[in-house]
Amino acid sequence: MKALLLSRVTVVWGLLIAATLLSWQLGHGVGFDDARLAGAAILIVTFIKVRFVIRDFMEIRHAPRWMRRVGDGWILLIVALLVGLFLSA
């Protein structure tokens, strides 16, 4: 049982839950006075969660280095575009 609780997948699952709770708090105005900044922070937390899911639950962690880099580049590009669009509106 101890090995299951300390496995990487269980730890990542716990981090995903914590990130969800953080997003929920940010969405309710904790930490930001401006709703646009809170929304941008929620988008950033969401893409951190996306990276965890891609790396650990889609088994990209053990893929070739170029594939991991392409995935990280895609995540950075999309989050930069979405946050830029969100803040410019």
PDB file of N, CA and C in Angstrom:
ATOM      1  N   MET A   1       0.817  -1.186   0.000  1.00  0.00           N
ATOM      2  CA  MET A   1       0.000   0.000   0.000  1.00  0.00           C
ATOM      3  C   MET A   1       0.867   1.259   0.000  1.00  0.00           C
ATOM      4  N   LYS A   2       1.970   1.238   0.736  1.00  0.00           N
ATOM      5  CA  LYS A   2       2.860   2.389   0.803  1.00  0.00           C
ATOM      6  C   LYS A   2       3.467   2.689  -0.557  1.00  0.00           C
ATOM      7  N   ALA A   3       3.827   1.641  -1.293  1.00  0.00           N
ATOM      8  CA  ALA A   3       4.394   1.843  -2.628  1.00  0.00           C
ATOM      9  C   ALA A   3       3.384   2.486  -3.569  1.00  0.00           C
ATOM     10  N   LEU A   4       2.107   2.124  -3.427  1.00  0.00           N
ATOM     11  CA  LEU A   4       1.067   2.722  -4.263  1.00  0.00           C
ATOM     12  C   LEU A   4       0.895   4.200  -3.944  1.00  0.00           C
ATOM     13  N   LEU A   5       0.903   4.554  -2.668  1.00  0.00           N
ATOM     14  CA  LEU A   5       0.726   5.943  -2.266  1.00  0.00           C
ATOM     15  C   LEU A   5       1.904   6.818  -2.669  1.00  0.00           C
ATOM     16  N   LEU A   6       3.085   6.251  -2.741  1.00  0.00           N
ATOM     17  CA  LEU A   6       4.276   7.021  -3.088  1.00  0.00           C
ATOM     18  C   LEU A   6       4.658   6.898  -4.563  1.00  0.00           C
ATOM     19  N   SER A   7       3.832   6.240  -5.363  1.00  0.00           N
ATOM     20  CA  SER A   7       4.166   6.115  -6.779  1.00  0.00           C
ATOM     21  C   SER A   7       4.020   7.466  -7.468  1.00  0.00           C
ATOM     22  N   ARG A   8       4.710   7.644  -8.566  1.00  0.00           N
ATOM     23  CA  ARG A   8       4.704   8.913  -9.297  1.00  0.00           C
ATOM     24  C   ARG A   8       3.296   9.286  -9.751  1.00  0.00           C
ATOM     25  N   VAL A   9       2.535   8.317 -10.225  1.00  0.00           N
ATOM     26  CA  VAL A   9       1.193   8.595 -10.722  1.00  0.00           C
ATOM     27  C   VAL A   9       0.301   9.131  -9.597  1.00  0.00           C
ATOM     28  N   THR A  10       0.426   8.574  -8.409  1.00  0.00           N
ATOM     29  CA  THR A  10      -0.379   9.039  -7.281  1.00  0.00           C
ATOM     30  C   THR A  10       0.021  10.449  -6.874  1.00  0.00           C
ATOM     31  N   VAL A  11       1.309  10.732  -6.866  1.00  0.00           N
ATOM     32  CA  VAL A  11       1.777  12.077  -6.526  1.00  0.00           C
ATOM     33  C   VAL A  11       1.301  13.086  -7.567  1.00  0.00           C
ATOM     34  N   VAL A  12       1.400  12.744  -8.852  1.00  0.00           N
ATOM     35  CA  VAL A  12       0.938  13.645  -9.910  1.00  0.00           C
ATOM     36  C   VAL A  12      -0.572  13.850  -9.794  1.00  0.00           C
ATOM     37  N   TRP A  13      -1.307  12.809  -9.497  1.00  0.00           N
ATOM     38  CA  TRP A  13      -2.753  12.928  -9.310  1.00  0.00           C
ATOM     39  C   TRP A  13      -3.067  13.907  -8.175  1.00  0.00           C
ATOM     40  N   GLY A  14      -2.316  13.817  -7.088  1.00  0.00           N
ATOM     41  CA  GLY A  14      -2.497  14.759  -5.980  1.00  0.00           C
ATOM     42  C   GLY A  14      -2.178  16.190  -6.390  1.00  0.00           C
ATOM     43  N   LEU A  15      -1.130  16.365  -7.192  1.00  0.00           N
ATOM     44  CA  LEU A  15      -0.794  17.701  -7.689  1.00  0.00           C
ATOM     45  C   LEU A  15      -1.877  18.244  -8.614  1.00  0.00           C
ATOM     46  N   LEU A  16      -2.466  17.369  -9.414  1.00  0.00           N
ATOM     47  CA  LEU A  16      -3.563  17.804 -10.285  1.00  0.00           C
ATOM     48  C   LEU A  16      -4.770  18.262  -9.465  1.00  0.00           C
ATOM     49  N   ILE A  17      -5.051  17.563  -8.385  1.00  0.00           N
ATOM     50  CA  ILE A  17      -6.152  17.972  -7.499  1.00  0.00           C
ATOM     51  C   ILE A  17      -5.828  19.321  -6.863  1.00  0.00           C
ATOM     52  N   ALA A  18      -4.586  19.485  -6.400  1.00  0.00           N
ATOM     53  CA  ALA A  18      -4.186  20.753  -5.790  1.00  0.00           C
ATOM     54  C   ALA A  18      -4.277  21.898  -6.797  1.00  0.00           C
ATOM     55  N   ALA A  19      -3.870  21.660  -8.036  1.00  0.00           N
ATOM     56  CA  ALA A  19      -3.949  22.693  -9.071  1.00  0.00           C
ATOM     57  C   ALA A  19      -5.406  23.035  -9.386  1.00  0.00           C
ATOM     58  N   THR A  20      -6.278  22.048  -9.362  1.00  0.00           N
ATOM     59  CA  THR A  20      -7.703  22.301  -9.577  1.00  0.00           C
ATOM     60  C   THR A  20      -8.262  23.174  -8.461  1.00  0.00           C
ATOM     61  N   LEU A  21      -7.891  22.878  -7.224  1.00  0.00           N
ATOM     62  CA  LEU A  21      -8.351  23.694  -6.095  1.00  0.00           C
ATOM     63  C   LEU A  21      -7.798  25.117  -6.184  1.00  0.00           C
ATOM     64  N   LEU A  22      -6.547  25.248  -6.618  1.00  0.00           N
ATOM     65  CA  LEU A  22      -5.965  26.573  -6.811  1.00  0.00           C
ATOM     66  C   LEU A  22      -6.730  27.347  -7.882  1.00  0.00           C
ATOM     67  N   SER A  23      -7.042  26.710  -8.992  1.00  0.00           N
ATOM     68  CA  SER A  23      -7.814  27.365 -10.051  1.00  0.00           C
ATOM     69  C   SER A  23      -9.177  27.789  -9.540  1.00  0.00           C
ATOM     70  N   TRP A  24      -9.798  26.946  -8.735  1.00  0.00           N
ATOM     71  CA  TRP A  24     -11.109  27.264  -8.186  1.00  0.00           C
ATOM     72  C   TRP A  24     -11.022  28.496  -7.287  1.00  0.00           C
ATOM     73  N   GLN A  25      -9.994  28.542  -6.459  1.00  0.00           N
ATOM     74  CA  GLN A  25      -9.804  29.705  -5.591  1.00  0.00           C
ATOM     75  C   GLN A  25      -9.548  30.975  -6.398  1.00  0.00           C
ATOM     76  N   LEU A  26      -8.714  30.874  -7.422  1.00  0.00           N
ATOM     77  CA  LEU A  26      -8.436  32.035  -8.275  1.00  0.00           C
ATOM     78  C   LEU A  26      -9.700  32.503  -8.979  1.00  0.00           C
ATOM     79  N   GLY A  27     -10.545  31.584  -9.365  1.00  0.00           N
ATOM     80  CA  GLY A  27     -11.788  31.927 -10.028  1.00  0.00           C
ATOM     81  C   GLY A  27     -12.782  32.631  -9.116  1.00  0.00           C
ATOM     82  N   HIS A  28     -12.594  32.461  -7.819  1.00  0.00           N
ATOM     83  CA  HIS A  28     -13.469  33.120  -6.857  1.00  0.00           C
ATOM     84  C   HIS A  28     -12.851  34.403  -6.311  1.00  0.00           C
ATOM     85  N   GLY A  29     -11.802  34.890  -6.971  1.00  0.00           N
ATOM     86  CA  GLY A  29     -11.238  36.194  -6.634  1.00  0.00           C
ATOM     87  C   GLY A  29     -10.180  36.202  -5.555  1.00  0.00           C
ATOM     88  N   VAL A  30      -9.669  35.074  -5.168  1.00  0.00           N
ATOM     89  CA  VAL A  30      -8.635  35.041  -4.140  1.00  0.00           C
ATOM     90  C   VAL A  30      -7.292  35.374  -4.785  1.00  0.00           C
ATOM     91  N   GLY A  31      -6.654  36.447  -4.338  1.00  0.00           N
ATOM     92  CA  GLY A  31      -5.313  36.781  -4.792  1.00  0.00           C
ATOM     93  C   GLY A  31      -5.233  37.830  -5.886  1.00  0.00           C
ATOM     94  N   PHE A  32      -6.317  38.102  -6.597  1.00  0.00           N
ATOM     95  CA  PHE A  32      -6.292  39.080  -7.675  1.00  0.00           C
ATOM     96  C   PHE A  32      -7.490  40.011  -7.551  1.00  0.00           C
ATOM     97  N   ASP A  33      -7.247  41.287  -7.825  1.00  0.00           N
ATOM     98  CA  ASP A  33      -8.349  42.248  -7.876  1.00  0.00           C
ATOM     99  C   ASP A  33      -8.931  42.341  -9.275  1.00  0.00           C
ATOM    100  N   ASP A  34      -8.101  42.079 -10.271  1.00  0.00           N
ATOM    101  CA  ASP A  34      -8.516  42.173 -11.670  1.00  0.00           C
ATOM    102  C   ASP A  34      -8.924  40.789 -12.181  1.00  0.00           C
ATOM    103  N   ALA A  35     -10.131  40.687 -12.716  1.00  0.00           N
ATOM    104  CA  ALA A  35     -10.628  39.395 -13.204  1.00  0.00           C
ATOM    105  C   ALA A  35      -9.811  38.897 -14.387  1.00  0.00           C
ATOM    106  N   ARG A  36      -9.265  39.808 -15.196  1.00  0.00           N
ATOM    107  CA  ARG A  36      -8.459  39.369 -16.343  1.00  0.00           C
ATOM    108  C   ARG A  36      -7.177  38.692 -15.880  1.00  0.00           C
ATOM    109  N   LEU A  37      -6.538  39.238 -14.853  1.00  0.00           N
ATOM    110  CA  LEU A  37      -5.317  38.612 -14.333  1.00  0.00           C
ATOM    111  C   LEU A  37      -5.626  37.260 -13.697  1.00  0.00           C
ATOM    112  N   ALA A  38      -6.750  37.180 -13.005  1.00  0.00           N
ATOM    113  CA  ALA A  38      -7.156  35.901 -12.418  1.00  0.00           C
ATOM    114  C   ALA A  38      -7.407  34.879 -13.518  1.00  0.00           C
ATOM    115  N   GLY A  39      -8.062  35.299 -14.601  1.00  0.00           N
ATOM    116  CA  GLY A  39      -8.310  34.393 -15.722  1.00  0.00           C
ATOM    117  C   GLY A  39      -7.026  33.927 -16.376  1.00  0.00           C
ATOM    118  N   ALA A  40      -6.064  34.845 -16.523  1.00  0.00           N
ATOM    119  CA  ALA A  40      -4.766  34.470 -17.100  1.00  0.00           C
ATOM    120  C   ALA A  40      -4.039  33.478 -16.188  1.00  0.00           C
ATOM    121  N   ALA A  41      -4.104  33.706 -14.885  1.00  0.00           N
ATOM    122  CA  ALA A  41      -3.478  32.778 -13.939  1.00  0.00           C
ATOM    123  C   ALA A  41      -4.132  31.404 -14.006  1.00  0.00           C
ATOM    124  N   ILE A  42      -5.442  31.375 -14.168  1.00  0.00           N
ATOM    125  CA  ILE A  42      -6.155  30.093 -14.294  1.00  0.00           C
ATOM    126  C   ILE A  42      -5.721  29.372 -15.560  1.00  0.00           C
ATOM    127  N   LEU A  43      -5.550  30.111 -16.656  1.00  0.00           N
ATOM    128  CA  LEU A  43      -5.071  29.486 -17.898  1.00  0.00           C
ATOM    129  C   LEU A  43      -3.677  28.898 -17.725  1.00  0.00           C
ATOM    130  N   ILE A  44      -2.805  29.604 -17.027  1.00  0.00           N
ATOM    131  CA  ILE A  44      -1.447  29.102 -16.806  1.00  0.00           C
ATOM    132  C   ILE A  44      -1.479  27.834 -15.955  1.00  0.00           C
ATOM    133  N   VAL A  45      -2.263  27.834 -14.889  1.00  0.00           N
ATOM    134  CA  VAL A  45      -2.394  26.634 -14.049  1.00  0.00           C
ATOM    135  C   VAL A  45      -2.960  25.479 -14.875  1.00  0.00           C
ATOM    136  N   THR A  46      -3.913  25.783 -15.741  1.00  0.00           N
ATOM    137  CA  THR A  46      -4.505  24.742 -16.590  1.00  0.00           C
ATOM    138  C   THR A  46      -3.459  24.106 -17.491  1.00  0.00           C
ATOM    139  N   PHE A  47      -2.584  24.906 -18.071  1.00  0.00           N
ATOM    140  CA  PHE A  47      -1.586  24.328 -18.955  1.00  0.00           C
ATOM    141  C   PHE A  47      -0.478  23.609 -18.196  1.00  0.00           C
ATOM    142  N   ILE A  48      -0.256  23.969 -16.947  1.00  0.00           N
ATOM    143  CA  ILE A  48       0.642  23.161 -16.109  1.00  0.00           C
ATOM    144  C   ILE A  48       0.021  21.784 -15.903  1.00  0.00           C
ATOM    145  N   LYS A  49      -1.294  21.765 -15.675  1.00  0.00           N
ATOM    146  CA  LYS A  49      -1.999  20.488 -15.549  1.00  0.00           C
ATOM    147  C   LYS A  49      -1.929  19.690 -16.844  1.00  0.00           C
ATOM    148  N   VAL A  50      -2.065  20.372 -17.979  1.00  0.00           N
ATOM    149  CA  VAL A  50      -1.965  19.698 -19.280  1.00  0.00           C
ATOM    150  C   VAL A  50      -0.604  19.025 -19.416  1.00  0.00           C
ATOM    151  N   ARG A  51       0.443  19.717 -19.008  1.00  0.00           N
ATOM    152  CA  ARG A  51       1.788  19.136 -19.110  1.00  0.00           C
ATOM    153  C   ARG A  51       1.916  17.882 -18.241  1.00  0.00           C
ATOM    154  N   PHE A  52       1.376  17.934 -17.027  1.00  0.00           N
ATOM    155  CA  PHE A  52       1.395  16.745 -16.178  1.00  0.00           C
ATOM    156  C   PHE A  52       0.656  15.581 -16.839  1.00  0.00           C
ATOM    157  N   VAL A  53      -0.508  15.858 -17.391  1.00  0.00           N
ATOM    158  CA  VAL A  53      -1.302  14.791 -18.011  1.00  0.00           C
ATOM    159  C   VAL A  53      -0.573  14.216 -19.221  1.00  0.00           C
ATOM    160  N   ILE A  54      -0.030  15.081 -20.060  1.00  0.00           N
ATOM    161  CA  ILE A  54       0.682  14.592 -21.248  1.00  0.00           C
ATOM    162  C   ILE A  54       1.898  13.775 -20.838  1.00  0.00           C
ATOM    163  N   ARG A  55       2.668  14.269 -19.884  1.00  0.00           N
ATOM    164  CA  ARG A  55       3.890  13.565 -19.488  1.00  0.00           C
ATOM    165  C   ARG A  55       3.618  12.250 -18.763  1.00  0.00           C
ATOM    166  N   ASP A  56       2.693  12.263 -17.827  1.00  0.00           N
ATOM    167  CA  ASP A  56       2.567  11.109 -16.939  1.00  0.00           C
ATOM    168  C   ASP A  56       1.438  10.157 -17.278  1.00  0.00           C
ATOM    169  N   PHE A  57       0.350  10.653 -17.847  1.00  0.00           N
ATOM    170  CA  PHE A  57      -0.765   9.759 -18.118  1.00  0.00           C
ATOM    171  C   PHE A  57      -0.843   9.357 -19.589  1.00  0.00           C
ATOM    172  N   MET A  58      -0.139  10.066 -20.443  1.00  0.00           N
ATOM    173  CA  MET A  58      -0.081   9.678 -21.862  1.00  0.00           C
ATOM    174  C   MET A  58       1.272   9.041 -22.192  1.00  0.00           C
ATOM    175  N   GLU A  59       2.079   8.808 -21.152  1.00  0.00           N
ATOM    176  CA  GLU A  59       3.354   8.097 -21.260  1.00  0.00           C
ATOM    177  C   GLU A  59       4.369   8.785 -22.169  1.00  0.00           C
ATOM    178  N   ILE A  60       4.311  10.103 -22.270  1.00  0.00           N
ATOM    179  CA  ILE A  60       5.293  10.830 -23.067  1.00  0.00           C
ATOM    180  C   ILE A  60       6.605  10.985 -22.290  1.00  0.00           C
ATOM    181  N   ARG A  61       6.560  10.781 -20.986  1.00  0.00           N
ATOM    182  CA  ARG A  61       7.767  10.899 -20.164  1.00  0.00           C
ATOM    183  C   ARG A  61       8.889   9.982 -20.667  1.00  0.00           C
ATOM    184  N   HIS A  62       8.532   8.832 -21.224  1.00  0.00           N
ATOM    185  CA  HIS A  62       9.539   7.873 -21.679  1.00  0.00           C
ATOM    186  C   HIS A  62       9.724   7.906 -23.194  1.00  0.00           C
ATOM    187  N   ALA A  63       9.141   8.897 -23.849  1.00  0.00           N
ATOM    188  CA  ALA A  63       9.270   9.039 -25.301  1.00  0.00           C
ATOM    189  C   ALA A  63      10.635   9.651 -25.627  1.00  0.00           C
ATOM    190  N   PRO A  64      11.002   9.625 -26.899  1.00  0.00           N
ATOM    191  CA  PRO A  64      12.257  10.282 -27.287  1.00  0.00           C
ATOM    192  C   PRO A  64      12.245  11.771 -26.923  1.00  0.00           C
ATOM    193  N   ARG A  65      13.439  12.301 -26.718  1.00  0.00           N
ATOM    194  CA  ARG A  65      13.591  13.686 -26.282  1.00  0.00           C
ATOM    195  C   ARG A  65      12.902  14.670 -27.224  1.00  0.00           C
ATOM    196  N   TRP A  66      13.021  14.456 -28.533  1.00  0.00           N
ATOM    197  CA  TRP A  66      12.414  15.387 -29.486  1.00  0.00           C
ATOM    198  C   TRP A  66      10.898  15.438 -29.331  1.00  0.00           C
ATOM    199  N   MET A  67      10.294  14.301 -29.008  1.00  0.00           N
ATOM    200  CA  MET A  67       8.847  14.262 -28.845  1.00  0.00           C
ATOM    201  C   MET A  67       8.412  15.025 -27.587  1.00  0.00           C
ATOM    202  N   ARG A  68       9.197  14.894 -26.518  1.00  0.00           N
ATOM    203  CA  ARG A  68       8.905  15.652 -25.302  1.00  0.00           C
ATOM    204  C   ARG A  68       9.050  17.143 -25.552  1.00  0.00           C
ATOM    205  N   ARG A  69      10.079  17.529 -26.313  1.00  0.00           N
ATOM    206  CA  ARG A  69      10.314  18.950 -26.619  1.00  0.00           C
ATOM    207  C   ARG A  69       9.196  19.521 -27.494  1.00  0.00           C
ATOM    208  N   VAL A  70       8.743  18.748 -28.455  1.00  0.00           N
ATOM    209  CA  VAL A  70       7.634  19.201 -29.308  1.00  0.00           C
ATOM    210  C   VAL A  70       6.377  19.404 -28.456  1.00  0.00           C
ATOM    211  N   GLY A  71       6.102  18.484 -27.564  1.00  0.00           N
ATOM    212  CA  GLY A  71       4.946  18.620 -26.679  1.00  0.00           C
ATOM    213  C   GLY A  71       5.057  19.843 -25.784  1.00  0.00           C
ATOM    214  N   ASP A  72       6.240  20.072 -25.203  1.00  0.00           N
ATOM    215  CA  ASP A  72       6.441  21.250 -24.356  1.00  0.00           C
ATOM    216  C   ASP A  72       6.330  22.533 -25.171  1.00  0.00           C
ATOM    217  N   GLY A  73       6.874  22.514 -26.387  1.00  0.00           N
ATOM    218  CA  GLY A  73       6.774  23.692 -27.258  1.00  0.00           C
ATOM    219  C   GLY A  73       5.332  24.005 -27.613  1.00  0.00           C
ATOM    220  N   TRP A  74       4.556  22.966 -27.897  1.00  0.00           N
ATOM    221  CA  TRP A  74       3.138  23.157 -28.215  1.00  0.00           C
ATOM    222  C   TRP A  74       2.401  23.778 -27.028  1.00  0.00           C
ATOM    223  N   ILE A  75       2.676  23.255 -25.833  1.00  0.00           N
ATOM    224  CA  ILE A  75       2.032  23.783 -24.632  1.00  0.00           C
ATOM    225  C   ILE A  75       2.395  25.251 -24.440  1.00  0.00           C
ATOM    226  N   LEU A  76       3.685  25.599 -24.555  1.00  0.00           N
ATOM    227  CA  LEU A  76       4.109  26.988 -24.373  1.00  0.00           C
ATOM    228  C   LEU A  76       3.504  27.912 -25.421  1.00  0.00           C
ATOM    229  N   LEU A  77       3.452  27.470 -26.660  1.00  0.00           N
ATOM    230  CA  LEU A  77       2.887  28.286 -27.726  1.00  0.00           C
ATOM    231  C   LEU A  77       1.403  28.560 -27.471  1.00  0.00           C
ATOM    232  N   ILE A  78       0.652  27.530 -27.159  1.00  0.00           N
ATOM    233  CA  ILE A  78      -0.786  27.684 -26.970  1.00  0.00           C
ATOM    234  C   ILE A  78      -1.089  28.526 -25.731  1.00  0.00           C
ATOM    235  N   VAL A  79      -0.379  28.304 -24.630  1.00  0.00           N
ATOM    236  CA  VAL A  79      -0.646  29.102 -23.427  1.00  0.00           C
ATOM    237  C   VAL A  79      -0.272  30.557 -23.663  1.00  0.00           C
ATOM    238  N   ALA A  80       0.824  30.813 -24.375  1.00  0.00           N
ATOM    239  CA  ALA A  80       1.209  32.198 -24.661  1.00  0.00           C
ATOM    240  C   ALA A  80       0.155  32.880 -25.530  1.00  0.00           C
ATOM    241  N   LEU A  81      -0.328  32.191 -26.541  1.00  0.00           N
ATOM    242  CA  LEU A  81      -1.359  32.764 -27.409  1.00  0.00           C
ATOM    243  C   LEU A  81      -2.656  33.017 -26.642  1.00  0.00           C
ATOM    244  N   LEU A  82      -3.101  32.045 -25.863  1.00  0.00           N
ATOM    245  CA  LEU A  82      -4.353  32.208 -25.133  1.00  0.00           C
ATOM    246  C   LEU A  82      -4.279  33.292 -24.056  1.00  0.00           C
ATOM    247  N   VAL A  83      -3.179  33.332 -23.323  1.00  0.00           N
ATOM    248  CA  VAL A  83      -3.034  34.359 -22.296  1.00  0.00           C
ATOM    249  C   VAL A  83      -2.938  35.737 -22.958  1.00  0.00           C
ATOM    250  N   GLY A  84      -2.205  35.823 -24.070  1.00  0.00           N
ATOM    251  CA  GLY A  84      -2.128  37.091 -24.795  1.00  0.00           C
ATOM    252  C   GLY A  84      -3.488  37.556 -25.293  1.00  0.00           C
ATOM    253  N   LEU A  85      -4.246  36.648 -25.867  1.00  0.00           N
ATOM    254  CA  LEU A  85      -5.587  36.988 -26.323  1.00  0.00           C
ATOM    255  C   LEU A  85      -6.501  37.364 -25.163  1.00  0.00           C
ATOM    256  N   PHE A  86      -6.376  36.628 -24.083  1.00  0.00           N
ATOM    257  CA  PHE A  86      -7.231  36.876 -22.919  1.00  0.00           C
ATOM    258  C   PHE A  86      -6.948  38.253 -22.322  1.00  0.00           C
ATOM    259  N   LEU A  87      -5.672  38.611 -22.220  1.00  0.00           N
ATOM    260  CA  LEU A  87      -5.307  39.892 -21.601  1.00  0.00           C
ATOM    261  C   LEU A  87      -5.556  41.080 -22.544  1.00  0.00           C
ATOM    262  N   SER A  88      -5.544  40.846 -23.841  1.00  0.00           N
ATOM    263  CA  SER A  88      -5.751  41.948 -24.784  1.00  0.00           C
ATOM    264  C   SER A  88      -7.219  42.277 -24.993  1.00  0.00           C
ATOM    265  N   ALA A  89      -8.103  41.400 -24.566  1.00  0.00           N
ATOM    266  CA  ALA A  89      -9.539  41.644 -24.778  1.00  0.00           C
ATOM    267  C   ALA A  89     -10.110  42.602 -23.773  1.00  0.00           C
TER     268      ALA A  89
END
